[in-house]
Amino acid sequence: MPKINIDAVLGLNRKLSFASIEYMSVLQGFERAMQTARQDYEALNAQLLDELPTMFRLATSLFRDCVGSFVHAQKQFTDNIVQEMFAAGGQLVCLF
């Protein structure tokens, strides 16, 4: 029967025990980090859901104002061109 070195077995058992303790410690740290990340995500998501309708309303209003200003400027430009053409020759000439 082979002789078992009890010191080697105890040493291996001790190393496995330390490795197991270290693994559990790392696992607990990971779980805490995941919980913190989950809480941060949920808080930011709730804030986004709360503020998104306001942002959409403001963006829509800004877009509407920009389009309105562009249309007004385009109308003024066209009116000025027509006035200049009538003032120069008294008639509107189509070039196309």
PDB file of N, CA and C in Angstrom:
ATOM      1  N   MET A   1       0.832  -1.164   0.000  1.00  0.00           N
ATOM      2  CA  MET A   1       0.000   0.000   0.000  1.00  0.00           C
ATOM      3  C   MET A   1       0.889   1.244   0.000  1.00  0.00           C
ATOM      4  N   PRO A   2       0.519   2.231  -0.859  1.00  0.00           N
ATOM      5  CA  PRO A   2       1.368   3.432  -0.922  1.00  0.00           C
ATOM      6  C   PRO A   2       1.242   4.262   0.350  1.00  0.00           C
ATOM      7  N   LYS A   3       2.327   4.873   0.674  1.00  0.00           N
ATOM      8  CA  LYS A   3       2.366   5.687   1.879  1.00  0.00           C
ATOM      9  C   LYS A   3       1.847   7.088   1.529  1.00  0.00           C
ATOM     10  N   ILE A   4       0.917   7.583   2.313  1.00  0.00           N
ATOM     11  CA  ILE A   4       0.326   8.918   2.091  1.00  0.00           C
ATOM     12  C   ILE A   4       1.048   9.899   2.994  1.00  0.00           C
ATOM     13  N   ASN A   5       1.523  10.966   2.364  1.00  0.00           N
ATOM     14  CA  ASN A   5       2.195  12.020   3.111  1.00  0.00           C
ATOM     15  C   ASN A   5       1.114  12.937   3.689  1.00  0.00           C
ATOM     16  N   ILE A   6       0.868  12.794   4.975  1.00  0.00           N
ATOM     17  CA  ILE A   6      -0.204  13.534   5.634  1.00  0.00           C
ATOM     18  C   ILE A   6       0.063  15.028   5.612  1.00  0.00           C
ATOM     19  N   ASP A   7       1.328  15.437   5.685  1.00  0.00           N
ATOM     20  CA  ASP A   7       1.658  16.863   5.646  1.00  0.00           C
ATOM     21  C   ASP A   7       1.309  17.462   4.283  1.00  0.00           C
ATOM     22  N   ALA A   8       1.546  16.700   3.227  1.00  0.00           N
ATOM     23  CA  ALA A   8       1.208  17.179   1.881  1.00  0.00           C
ATOM     24  C   ALA A   8      -0.298  17.311   1.728  1.00  0.00           C
ATOM     25  N   VAL A   9      -1.045  16.356   2.243  1.00  0.00           N
ATOM     26  CA  VAL A   9      -2.507  16.402   2.157  1.00  0.00           C
ATOM     27  C   VAL A   9      -3.038  17.590   2.958  1.00  0.00           C
ATOM     28  N   LEU A  10      -2.502  17.812   4.153  1.00  0.00           N
ATOM     29  CA  LEU A  10      -2.943  18.942   4.971  1.00  0.00           C
ATOM     30  C   LEU A  10      -2.579  20.275   4.315  1.00  0.00           C
ATOM     31  N   GLY A  11      -1.407  20.333   3.708  1.00  0.00           N
ATOM     32  CA  GLY A  11      -0.989  21.548   3.004  1.00  0.00           C
ATOM     33  C   GLY A  11      -1.903  21.841   1.824  1.00  0.00           C
ATOM     34  N   LEU A  12      -2.229  20.805   1.071  1.00  0.00           N
ATOM     35  CA  LEU A  12      -3.138  20.970  -0.073  1.00  0.00           C
ATOM     36  C   LEU A  12      -4.522  21.387   0.411  1.00  0.00           C
ATOM     37  N   ASN A  13      -4.976  20.793   1.476  1.00  0.00           N
ATOM     38  CA  ASN A  13      -6.276  21.140   2.043  1.00  0.00           C
ATOM     39  C   ASN A  13      -6.295  22.606   2.483  1.00  0.00           C
ATOM     40  N   ARG A  14      -5.206  23.068   3.100  1.00  0.00           N
ATOM     41  CA  ARG A  14      -5.092  24.460   3.532  1.00  0.00           C
ATOM     42  C   ARG A  14      -5.112  25.405   2.336  1.00  0.00           C
ATOM     43  N   LYS A  15      -4.384  25.059   1.271  1.00  0.00           N
ATOM     44  CA  LYS A  15      -4.360  25.888   0.060  1.00  0.00           C
ATOM     45  C   LYS A  15      -5.749  25.967  -0.563  1.00  0.00           C
ATOM     46  N   LEU A  16      -6.440  24.835  -0.624  1.00  0.00           N
ATOM     47  CA  LEU A  16      -7.798  24.828  -1.171  1.00  0.00           C
ATOM     48  C   LEU A  16      -8.745  25.657  -0.315  1.00  0.00           C
ATOM     49  N   SER A  17      -8.565  25.606   0.989  1.00  0.00           N
ATOM     50  CA  SER A  17      -9.402  26.390   1.892  1.00  0.00           C
ATOM     51  C   SER A  17      -9.170  27.882   1.677  1.00  0.00           C
ATOM     52  N   PHE A  18      -7.899  28.294   1.561  1.00  0.00           N
ATOM     53  CA  PHE A  18      -7.584  29.698   1.309  1.00  0.00           C
ATOM     54  C   PHE A  18      -8.115  30.139  -0.058  1.00  0.00           C
ATOM     55  N   ALA A  19      -7.986  29.289  -1.054  1.00  0.00           N
ATOM     56  CA  ALA A  19      -8.490  29.610  -2.386  1.00  0.00           C
ATOM     57  C   ALA A  19     -10.008  29.769  -2.361  1.00  0.00           C
ATOM     58  N   SER A  20     -10.672  28.909  -1.602  1.00  0.00           N
ATOM     59  CA  SER A  20     -12.129  28.987  -1.483  1.00  0.00           C
ATOM     60  C   SER A  20     -12.539  30.283  -0.791  1.00  0.00           C
ATOM     61  N   ILE A  21     -11.836  30.648   0.269  1.00  0.00           N
ATOM     62  CA  ILE A  21     -12.134  31.896   0.987  1.00  0.00           C
ATOM     63  C   ILE A  21     -11.894  33.092   0.084  1.00  0.00           C
ATOM     64  N   GLU A  22     -10.795  33.074  -0.666  1.00  0.00           N
ATOM     65  CA  GLU A  22     -10.494  34.169  -1.581  1.00  0.00           C
ATOM     66  C   GLU A  22     -11.560  34.273  -2.681  1.00  0.00           C
ATOM     67  N   TYR A  23     -11.975  33.135  -3.209  1.00  0.00           N
ATOM     68  CA  TYR A  23     -13.014  33.111  -4.242  1.00  0.00           C
ATOM     69  C   TYR A  23     -14.316  33.705  -3.710  1.00  0.00           C
ATOM     70  N   MET A  24     -14.713  33.329  -2.509  1.00  0.00           N
ATOM     71  CA  MET A  24     -15.940  33.852  -1.919  1.00  0.00           C
ATOM     72  C   MET A  24     -15.844  35.359  -1.698  1.00  0.00           C
ATOM     73  N   SER A  25     -14.668  35.822  -1.289  1.00  0.00           N
ATOM     74  CA  SER A  25     -14.462  37.253  -1.082  1.00  0.00           C
ATOM     75  C   SER A  25     -14.598  38.019  -2.396  1.00  0.00           C
ATOM     76  N   VAL A  26     -13.975  37.502  -3.442  1.00  0.00           N
ATOM     77  CA  VAL A  26     -14.068  38.142  -4.760  1.00  0.00           C
ATOM     78  C   VAL A  26     -15.509  38.116  -5.259  1.00  0.00           C
ATOM     79  N   LEU A  27     -16.188  37.011  -5.075  1.00  0.00           N
ATOM     80  CA  LEU A  27     -17.573  36.865  -5.500  1.00  0.00           C
ATOM     81  C   LEU A  27     -18.478  37.861  -4.773  1.00  0.00           C
ATOM     82  N   GLN A  28     -18.269  38.034  -3.471  1.00  0.00           N
ATOM     83  CA  GLN A  28     -19.064  39.003  -2.723  1.00  0.00           C
ATOM     84  C   GLN A  28     -18.793  40.428  -3.194  1.00  0.00           C
ATOM     85  N   GLY A  29     -17.535  40.734  -3.487  1.00  0.00           N
ATOM     86  CA  GLY A  29     -17.192  42.058  -4.014  1.00  0.00           C
ATOM     87  C   GLY A  29     -17.859  42.302  -5.361  1.00  0.00           C
ATOM     88  N   PHE A  30     -17.865  41.282  -6.200  1.00  0.00           N
ATOM     89  CA  PHE A  30     -18.509  41.385  -7.504  1.00  0.00           C
ATOM     90  C   PHE A  30     -20.010  41.603  -7.347  1.00  0.00           C
ATOM     91  N   GLU A  31     -20.622  40.864  -6.429  1.00  0.00           N
ATOM     92  CA  GLU A  31     -22.064  41.014  -6.205  1.00  0.00           C
ATOM     93  C   GLU A  31     -22.404  42.409  -5.687  1.00  0.00           C
ATOM     94  N   ARG A  32     -21.550  42.968  -4.816  1.00  0.00           N
ATOM     95  CA  ARG A  32     -21.773  44.340  -4.337  1.00  0.00           C
ATOM     96  C   ARG A  32     -21.639  45.330  -5.479  1.00  0.00           C
ATOM     97  N   ALA A  33     -20.645  45.141  -6.334  1.00  0.00           N
ATOM     98  CA  ALA A  33     -20.462  46.037  -7.479  1.00  0.00           C
ATOM     99  C   ALA A  33     -21.653  45.940  -8.433  1.00  0.00           C
ATOM    100  N   MET A  34     -22.143  44.738  -8.659  1.00  0.00           N
ATOM    101  CA  MET A  34     -23.309  44.563  -9.534  1.00  0.00           C
ATOM    102  C   MET A  34     -24.550  45.216  -8.933  1.00  0.00           C
ATOM    103  N   GLN A  35     -24.720  45.105  -7.643  1.00  0.00           N
ATOM    104  CA  GLN A  35     -25.869  45.732  -6.976  1.00  0.00           C
ATOM    105  C   GLN A  35     -25.784  47.252  -7.094  1.00  0.00           C
ATOM    106  N   THR A  36     -24.596  47.813  -6.896  1.00  0.00           N
ATOM    107  CA  THR A  36     -24.408  49.253  -7.039  1.00  0.00           C
ATOM    108  C   THR A  36     -24.690  49.697  -8.469  1.00  0.00           C
ATOM    109  N   ALA A  37     -24.177  48.945  -9.432  1.00  0.00           N
ATOM    110  CA  ALA A  37     -24.417  49.277 -10.836  1.00  0.00           C
ATOM    111  C   ALA A  37     -25.904  49.192 -11.162  1.00  0.00           C
ATOM    112  N   ARG A  38     -26.588  48.189 -10.643  1.00  0.00           N
ATOM    113  CA  ARG A  38     -28.027  48.037 -10.884  1.00  0.00           C
ATOM    114  C   ARG A  38     -28.786  49.231 -10.299  1.00  0.00           C
ATOM    115  N   GLN A  39     -28.428  49.637  -9.095  1.00  0.00           N
ATOM    116  CA  GLN A  39     -29.107  50.776  -8.469  1.00  0.00           C
ATOM    117  C   GLN A  39     -28.868  52.066  -9.253  1.00  0.00           C
ATOM    118  N   ASP A  40     -27.616  52.268  -9.703  1.00  0.00           N
ATOM    119  CA  ASP A  40     -27.305  53.449 -10.511  1.00  0.00           C
ATOM    120  C   ASP A  40     -28.104  53.451 -11.809  1.00  0.00           C
ATOM    121  N   TYR A  41     -28.161  52.302 -12.467  1.00  0.00           N
ATOM    122  CA  TYR A  41     -28.913  52.192 -13.718  1.00  0.00           C
ATOM    123  C   TYR A  41     -30.390  52.485 -13.494  1.00  0.00           C
ATOM    124  N   GLU A  42     -30.960  51.907 -12.452  1.00  0.00           N
ATOM    125  CA  GLU A  42     -32.384  52.119 -12.186  1.00  0.00           C
ATOM    126  C   GLU A  42     -32.684  53.576 -11.859  1.00  0.00           C
ATOM    127  N   ALA A  43     -31.794  54.234 -11.130  1.00  0.00           N
ATOM    128  CA  ALA A  43     -31.993  55.647 -10.804  1.00  0.00           C
ATOM    129  C   ALA A  43     -31.911  56.513 -12.059  1.00  0.00           C
ATOM    130  N   LEU A  44     -30.904  56.266 -12.892  1.00  0.00           N
ATOM    131  CA  LEU A  44     -30.774  57.039 -14.129  1.00  0.00           C
ATOM    132  C   LEU A  44     -31.929  56.770 -15.084  1.00  0.00           C
ATOM    133  N   ASN A  45     -32.386  55.534 -15.156  1.00  0.00           N
ATOM    134  CA  ASN A  45     -33.507  55.194 -16.023  1.00  0.00           C
ATOM    135  C   ASN A  45     -34.777  55.889 -15.548  1.00  0.00           C
ATOM    136  N   ALA A  46     -35.015  55.918 -14.244  1.00  0.00           N
ATOM    137  CA  ALA A  46     -36.190  56.603 -13.704  1.00  0.00           C
ATOM    138  C   ALA A  46     -36.127  58.099 -13.996  1.00  0.00           C
ATOM    139  N   GLN A  47     -34.941  58.680 -13.869  1.00  0.00           N
ATOM    140  CA  GLN A  47     -34.770  60.108 -14.167  1.00  0.00           C
ATOM    141  C   GLN A  47     -35.033  60.371 -15.640  1.00  0.00           C
ATOM    142  N   LEU A  48     -34.532  59.513 -16.504  1.00  0.00           N
ATOM    143  CA  LEU A  48     -34.744  59.667 -17.943  1.00  0.00           C
ATOM    144  C   LEU A  48     -36.227  59.572 -18.279  1.00  0.00           C
ATOM    145  N   LEU A  49     -36.906  58.579 -17.723  1.00  0.00           N
ATOM    146  CA  LEU A  49     -38.334  58.423 -17.988  1.00  0.00           C
ATOM    147  C   LEU A  49     -39.126  59.625 -17.490  1.00  0.00           C
ATOM    148  N   ASP A  50     -38.665  60.227 -16.413  1.00  0.00           N
ATOM    149  CA  ASP A  50     -39.335  61.401 -15.870  1.00  0.00           C
ATOM    150  C   ASP A  50     -39.091  62.636 -16.739  1.00  0.00           C
ATOM    151  N   GLU A  51     -37.875  62.808 -17.233  1.00  0.00           N
ATOM    152  CA  GLU A  51     -37.511  64.030 -17.955  1.00  0.00           C
ATOM    153  C   GLU A  51     -37.711  63.937 -19.466  1.00  0.00           C
ATOM    154  N   LEU A  52     -37.869  62.750 -20.007  1.00  0.00           N
ATOM    155  CA  LEU A  52     -37.976  62.593 -21.458  1.00  0.00           C
ATOM    156  C   LEU A  52     -39.166  63.332 -22.058  1.00  0.00           C
ATOM    157  N   PRO A  53     -40.358  63.281 -21.474  1.00  0.00           N
ATOM    158  CA  PRO A  53     -41.475  64.035 -22.066  1.00  0.00           C
ATOM    159  C   PRO A  53     -41.213  65.545 -22.114  1.00  0.00           C
ATOM    160  N   THR A  54     -40.576  66.079 -21.086  1.00  0.00           N
ATOM    161  CA  THR A  54     -40.250  67.506 -21.071  1.00  0.00           C
ATOM    162  C   THR A  54     -39.242  67.834 -22.164  1.00  0.00           C
ATOM    163  N   MET A  55     -38.225  66.998 -22.301  1.00  0.00           N
ATOM    164  CA  MET A  55     -37.225  67.232 -23.348  1.00  0.00           C
ATOM    165  C   MET A  55     -37.868  67.154 -24.733  1.00  0.00           C
ATOM    166  N   PHE A  56     -38.757  66.192 -24.939  1.00  0.00           N
ATOM    167  CA  PHE A  56     -39.424  66.047 -26.232  1.00  0.00           C
ATOM    168  C   PHE A  56     -40.279  67.270 -26.526  1.00  0.00           C
ATOM    169  N   ARG A  57     -41.009  67.757 -25.522  1.00  0.00           N
ATOM    170  CA  ARG A  57     -41.855  68.942 -25.712  1.00  0.00           C
ATOM    171  C   ARG A  57     -40.998  70.154 -26.060  1.00  0.00           C
ATOM    172  N   LEU A  58     -39.888  70.346 -25.353  1.00  0.00           N
ATOM    173  CA  LEU A  58     -39.008  71.486 -25.637  1.00  0.00           C
ATOM    174  C   LEU A  58     -38.356  71.374 -27.014  1.00  0.00           C
ATOM    175  N   ALA A  59     -37.930  70.174 -27.380  1.00  0.00           N
ATOM    176  CA  ALA A  59     -37.312  69.974 -28.697  1.00  0.00           C
ATOM    177  C   ALA A  59     -38.325  70.228 -29.811  1.00  0.00           C
ATOM    178  N   THR A  60     -39.560  69.778 -29.619  1.00  0.00           N
ATOM    179  CA  THR A  60     -40.609  70.004 -30.615  1.00  0.00           C
ATOM    180  C   THR A  60     -40.896  71.488 -30.755  1.00  0.00           C
ATOM    181  N   SER A  61     -40.966  72.179 -29.641  1.00  0.00           N
ATOM    182  CA  SER A  61     -41.205  73.622 -29.668  1.00  0.00           C
ATOM    183  C   SER A  61     -40.069  74.353 -30.377  1.00  0.00           C
ATOM    184  N   LEU A  62     -38.831  73.972 -30.092  1.00  0.00           N
ATOM    185  CA  LEU A  62     -37.678  74.588 -30.746  1.00  0.00           C
ATOM    186  C   LEU A  62     -37.703  74.344 -32.246  1.00  0.00           C
ATOM    187  N   PHE A  63     -38.003  73.118 -32.642  1.00  0.00           N
ATOM    188  CA  PHE A  63     -38.065  72.786 -34.067  1.00  0.00           C
ATOM    189  C   PHE A  63     -39.158  73.599 -34.756  1.00  0.00           C
ATOM    190  N   ARG A  64     -40.327  73.688 -34.121  1.00  0.00           N
ATOM    191  CA  ARG A  64     -41.431  74.449 -34.695  1.00  0.00           C
ATOM    192  C   ARG A  64     -41.040  75.923 -34.851  1.00  0.00           C
ATOM    193  N   ASP A  65     -40.376  76.489 -33.838  1.00  0.00           N
ATOM    194  CA  ASP A  65     -39.931  77.884 -33.917  1.00  0.00           C
ATOM    195  C   ASP A  65     -38.909  78.087 -35.030  1.00  0.00           C
ATOM    196  N   CYS A  66     -37.989  77.137 -35.184  1.00  0.00           N
ATOM    197  CA  CYS A  66     -36.970  77.242 -36.236  1.00  0.00           C
ATOM    198  C   CYS A  66     -37.601  77.178 -37.621  1.00  0.00           C
ATOM    199  N   VAL A  67     -38.521  76.261 -37.817  1.00  0.00           N
ATOM    200  CA  VAL A  67     -39.184  76.140 -39.115  1.00  0.00           C
ATOM    201  C   VAL A  67     -40.007  77.390 -39.387  1.00  0.00           C
ATOM    202  N   GLY A  68     -40.703  77.891 -38.383  1.00  0.00           N
ATOM    203  CA  GLY A  68     -41.484  79.119 -38.548  1.00  0.00           C
ATOM    204  C   GLY A  68     -40.607  80.302 -38.916  1.00  0.00           C
ATOM    205  N   SER A  69     -39.457  80.433 -38.264  1.00  0.00           N
ATOM    206  CA  SER A  69     -38.531  81.524 -38.577  1.00  0.00           C
ATOM    207  C   SER A  69     -37.971  81.382 -39.988  1.00  0.00           C
ATOM    208  N   PHE A  70     -37.665  80.157 -40.393  1.00  0.00           N
ATOM    209  CA  PHE A  70     -37.154  79.934 -41.749  1.00  0.00           C
ATOM    210  C   PHE A  70     -38.203  80.302 -42.789  1.00  0.00           C
ATOM    211  N   VAL A  71     -39.436  79.880 -42.587  1.00  0.00           N
ATOM    212  CA  VAL A  71     -40.510  80.183 -43.537  1.00  0.00           C
ATOM    213  C   VAL A  71     -40.734  81.690 -43.604  1.00  0.00           C
ATOM    214  N   HIS A  72     -40.708  82.364 -42.441  1.00  0.00           N
ATOM    215  CA  HIS A  72     -40.879  83.815 -42.424  1.00  0.00           C
ATOM    216  C   HIS A  72     -39.737  84.508 -43.185  1.00  0.00           C
ATOM    217  N   ALA A  73     -38.503  84.071 -42.941  1.00  0.00           N
ATOM    218  CA  ALA A  73     -37.350  84.669 -43.637  1.00  0.00           C
ATOM    219  C   ALA A  73     -37.423  84.401 -45.140  1.00  0.00           C
ATOM    220  N   GLN A  74     -37.842  83.205 -45.522  1.00  0.00           N
ATOM    221  CA  GLN A  74     -37.959  82.877 -46.944  1.00  0.00           C
ATOM    222  C   GLN A  74     -39.040  83.737 -47.602  1.00  0.00           C
ATOM    223  N   LYS A  75     -40.151  83.962 -46.900  1.00  0.00           N
ATOM    224  CA  LYS A  75     -41.226  84.803 -47.441  1.00  0.00           C
ATOM    225  C   LYS A  75     -40.739  86.235 -47.602  1.00  0.00           C
ATOM    226  N   GLN A  76     -40.026  86.754 -46.596  1.00  0.00           N
ATOM    227  CA  GLN A  76     -39.494  88.117 -46.711  1.00  0.00           C
ATOM    228  C   GLN A  76     -38.525  88.224 -47.882  1.00  0.00           C
ATOM    229  N   PHE A  77     -37.652  87.246 -48.033  1.00  0.00           N
ATOM    230  CA  PHE A  77     -36.692  87.251 -49.129  1.00  0.00           C
ATOM    231  C   PHE A  77     -37.412  87.247 -50.476  1.00  0.00           C
ATOM    232  N   THR A  78     -38.407  86.374 -50.608  1.00  0.00           N
ATOM    233  CA  THR A  78     -39.164  86.297 -51.862  1.00  0.00           C
ATOM    234  C   THR A  78     -39.908  87.603 -52.124  1.00  0.00           C
ATOM    235  N   ASP A  79     -40.523  88.182 -51.100  1.00  0.00           N
ATOM    236  CA  ASP A  79     -41.217  89.467 -51.264  1.00  0.00           C
ATOM    237  C   ASP A  79     -40.252  90.564 -51.705  1.00  0.00           C
ATOM    238  N   ASN A  80     -39.050  90.589 -51.113  1.00  0.00           N
ATOM    239  CA  ASN A  80     -38.051  91.601 -51.509  1.00  0.00           C
ATOM    240  C   ASN A  80     -37.620  91.418 -52.960  1.00  0.00           C
ATOM    241  N   ILE A  81     -37.419  90.178 -53.398  1.00  0.00           N
ATOM    242  CA  ILE A  81     -37.018  89.918 -54.780  1.00  0.00           C
ATOM    243  C   ILE A  81     -38.117  90.382 -55.737  1.00  0.00           C
ATOM    244  N   VAL A  82     -39.358  90.047 -55.419  1.00  0.00           N
ATOM    245  CA  VAL A  82     -40.481  90.441 -56.289  1.00  0.00           C
ATOM    246  C   VAL A  82     -40.596  91.956 -56.337  1.00  0.00           C
ATOM    247  N   GLN A  83     -40.442  92.623 -55.197  1.00  0.00           N
ATOM    248  CA  GLN A  83     -40.518  94.092 -55.184  1.00  0.00           C
ATOM    249  C   GLN A  83     -39.406  94.715 -56.022  1.00  0.00           C
ATOM    250  N   GLU A  84     -38.198  94.166 -55.913  1.00  0.00           N
ATOM    251  CA  GLU A  84     -37.080  94.705 -56.694  1.00  0.00           C
ATOM    252  C   GLU A  84     -37.297  94.487 -58.192  1.00  0.00           C
ATOM    253  N   MET A  85     -37.851  93.336 -58.556  1.00  0.00           N
ATOM    254  CA  MET A  85     -38.079  93.056 -59.971  1.00  0.00           C
ATOM    255  C   MET A  85     -39.146  93.989 -60.538  1.00  0.00           C
ATOM    256  N   PHE A  86     -40.213  94.245 -59.775  1.00  0.00           N
ATOM    257  CA  PHE A  86     -41.260  95.151 -60.245  1.00  0.00           C
ATOM    258  C   PHE A  86     -40.754  96.588 -60.248  1.00  0.00           C
ATOM    259  N   ALA A  87     -39.906  96.956 -59.296  1.00  0.00           N
ATOM    260  CA  ALA A  87     -39.391  98.320 -59.240  1.00  0.00           C
ATOM    261  C   ALA A  87     -38.431  98.579 -60.388  1.00  0.00           C
ATOM    262  N   ALA A  88     -37.698  97.563 -60.811  1.00  0.00           N
ATOM    263  CA  ALA A  88     -36.709  97.752 -61.870  1.00  0.00           C
ATOM    264  C   ALA A  88     -37.366  97.877 -63.242  1.00  0.00           C
ATOM    265  N   GLY A  89     -38.338  97.069 -63.518  1.00  0.00           N
ATOM    266  CA  GLY A  89     -38.883  97.097 -64.870  1.00  0.00           C
ATOM    267  C   GLY A  89     -40.381  97.217 -64.933  1.00  0.00           C
ATOM    268  N   GLY A  90     -41.013  97.153 -63.822  1.00  0.00           N
ATOM    269  CA  GLY A  90     -42.445  97.261 -63.823  1.00  0.00           C
ATOM    270  C   GLY A  90     -43.162  95.984 -64.201  1.00  0.00           C
ATOM    271  N   GLN A  91     -42.430  94.960 -64.539  1.00  0.00           N
ATOM    272  CA  GLN A  91     -43.079  93.695 -64.887  1.00  0.00           C
ATOM    273  C   GLN A  91     -42.227  92.517 -64.389  1.00  0.00           C
ATOM    274  N   LEU A  92     -42.859  91.446 -64.189  1.00  0.00           N
ATOM    275  CA  LEU A  92     -42.176  90.249 -63.703  1.00  0.00           C
ATOM    276  C   LEU A  92     -41.810  89.384 -64.896  1.00  0.00           C
ATOM    277  N   VAL A  93     -40.513  89.071 -65.049  1.00  0.00           N
ATOM    278  CA  VAL A  93     -40.044  88.265 -66.163  1.00  0.00           C
ATOM    279  C   VAL A  93     -39.668  86.881 -65.645  1.00  0.00           C
ATOM    280  N   CYS A  94     -40.199  85.874 -66.288  1.00  0.00           N
ATOM    281  CA  CYS A  94     -39.882  84.503 -65.916  1.00  0.00           C
ATOM    282  C   CYS A  94     -38.729  84.031 -66.776  1.00  0.00           C
ATOM    283  N   LEU A  95     -37.682  83.480 -66.165  1.00  0.00           N
ATOM    284  CA  LEU A  95     -36.499  83.066 -66.900  1.00  0.00           C
ATOM    285  C   LEU A  95     -36.516  81.602 -67.298  1.00  0.00           C
ATOM    286  N   PHE A  96     -37.469  80.831 -66.890  1.00  0.00           N
ATOM    287  CA  PHE A  96     -37.477  79.419 -67.255  1.00  0.00           C
ATOM    288  C   PHE A  96     -38.709  79.024 -67.975  1.00  0.00           C
TER     289      PHE A  96
END
